[in-house]
Protein backbone atom coordinates (compact mmCIF):
# COMPACT_ATOMS: atom_id res chain seq x y z
CA MET A 1 0.23 0.22 -0.11
CA ALA A 2 1.34 3.51 -0.82
CA ARG A 3 1.73 6.24 1.53
CA THR A 4 0.56 9.72 0.58
CA ALA A 5 2.49 12.62 1.59
CA LYS A 6 1.35 14.43 4.57
CA SER A 7 0.04 18.16 3.96
CA PRO A 8 1.84 21.13 5.78
CA LEU A 9 -0.82 20.84 8.09
CA GLU A 10 -0.55 17.44 9.10
CA ARG A 11 3.28 17.90 9.21
CA LEU A 12 2.68 20.75 11.47
CA GLN A 13 0.29 19.06 13.73
CA GLU A 14 2.96 16.08 14.10
CA ARG A 15 5.79 18.44 15.48
CA ILE A 16 3.20 19.96 17.67
CA ARG A 17 2.42 16.47 19.32
CA THR A 18 5.74 15.37 19.80
CA ALA A 19 7.47 18.36 20.50
CA ASP A 20 9.74 18.43 23.86
CA ARG A 21 7.99 21.60 25.52
CA GLY A 22 9.38 21.13 28.78
CA TRP A 23 11.99 23.59 28.69
CA PHE A 24 8.98 25.93 27.70
CA PHE A 25 7.00 25.65 30.71
CA ALA A 26 10.24 25.58 32.90
CA ALA A 27 11.27 28.69 31.93
CA ILE A 28 7.38 30.01 32.47
CA ALA A 29 8.12 28.26 36.03
CA ASP A 30 11.36 29.95 36.56
CA LYS A 31 10.02 33.63 35.55
CA VAL A 32 6.76 33.00 37.93
CA ALA A 33 9.05 32.08 40.77
CA GLU A 34 11.79 34.41 40.41
CA ARG A 35 9.38 37.47 40.14
CA ARG A 36 7.01 36.10 42.95
CA GLN A 37 10.26 35.84 45.22
CA ALA A 38 11.18 39.62 44.25
CA GLN A 39 8.05 40.89 45.12
CA GLY A 40 8.19 39.74 48.32
CA PHE A 41 5.13 37.22 48.06
CA SER A 42 5.05 33.42 49.45
CA GLN A 43 3.31 31.00 47.30
CA ARG A 44 0.40 31.26 49.50
CA GLN A 45 -0.04 34.78 49.13
CA LEU A 46 0.25 34.85 45.68
CA ALA A 47 -2.35 32.22 45.42
CA GLU A 48 -4.92 34.06 47.56
CA ILE A 49 -4.43 37.13 45.14
CA VAL A 50 -4.90 35.13 41.90
CA GLY A 51 -7.33 33.26 43.43
CA THR A 52 -6.20 29.47 43.36
CA THR A 53 -4.57 27.28 45.78
CA GLN A 54 -0.79 27.26 47.10
CA SER A 55 -0.59 23.53 45.69
CA ALA A 56 -1.33 25.10 42.39
CA ILE A 57 1.31 27.68 42.32
CA ALA A 58 3.87 24.96 43.62
CA ARG A 59 2.79 22.75 40.78
CA LEU A 60 3.33 25.74 38.48
CA GLU A 61 6.65 26.68 39.57
CA ARG A 62 7.86 23.43 39.32
CA GLY A 63 6.93 23.08 35.97
CA GLY A 64 4.88 20.09 37.12
CA ARG A 65 1.65 21.10 34.56
CA PRO A 66 1.15 23.12 31.66
CA PRO A 67 -0.41 26.70 33.09
CA ARG A 68 -3.41 28.18 31.71
CA ILE A 69 -3.20 31.14 29.93
CA ASP A 70 -6.07 32.90 32.06
CA THR A 71 -4.02 31.53 35.13
CA LEU A 72 -0.67 33.52 33.98
CA LEU A 73 -2.60 36.54 32.99
CA ARG A 74 -3.88 36.65 36.58
CA ILE A 75 -0.43 35.87 37.53
CA ALA A 76 1.16 38.57 35.80
CA ASP A 77 -1.37 40.98 37.01
CA ALA A 78 -0.64 40.23 40.71
CA LEU A 79 3.22 40.40 40.23
CA ASP A 80 2.86 43.98 38.46
CA CYS A 81 4.14 42.40 35.04
CA ASP A 82 3.12 42.26 31.35
CA LEU A 83 2.45 38.79 30.05
CA VAL A 84 3.74 38.83 26.36
CA VAL A 85 3.19 36.08 23.91
CA ASP A 86 5.11 36.69 20.84
CA LEU A 87 4.63 34.22 17.54
CA ARG A 88 7.48 34.56 15.35
CA PRO A 89 8.44 32.34 12.28
CA ARG A 90 11.19 29.67 13.16
CA ARG A 91 14.70 30.29 11.68
CA SER A 92 15.58 27.86 9.01
């Protein structure tokens, strides 16, 4: 049976499914922890301001689970930061 070539969309979807995004979540975790500590907040204090639990902040800071964008927006606001999302073409 002959294989058909994958479309560009199918190739992109495959890359997204198989990409190692651990570094990305770790970078977010580091930034949140760094900024929280610089502001003098405990995890519990930040959680109360954001409307979540201390354990959720701890998981985020460990990179234990991908943060939701709405949670990141609330965290950024609580830490007096702008959340910047930038989609750039990859360099070939």
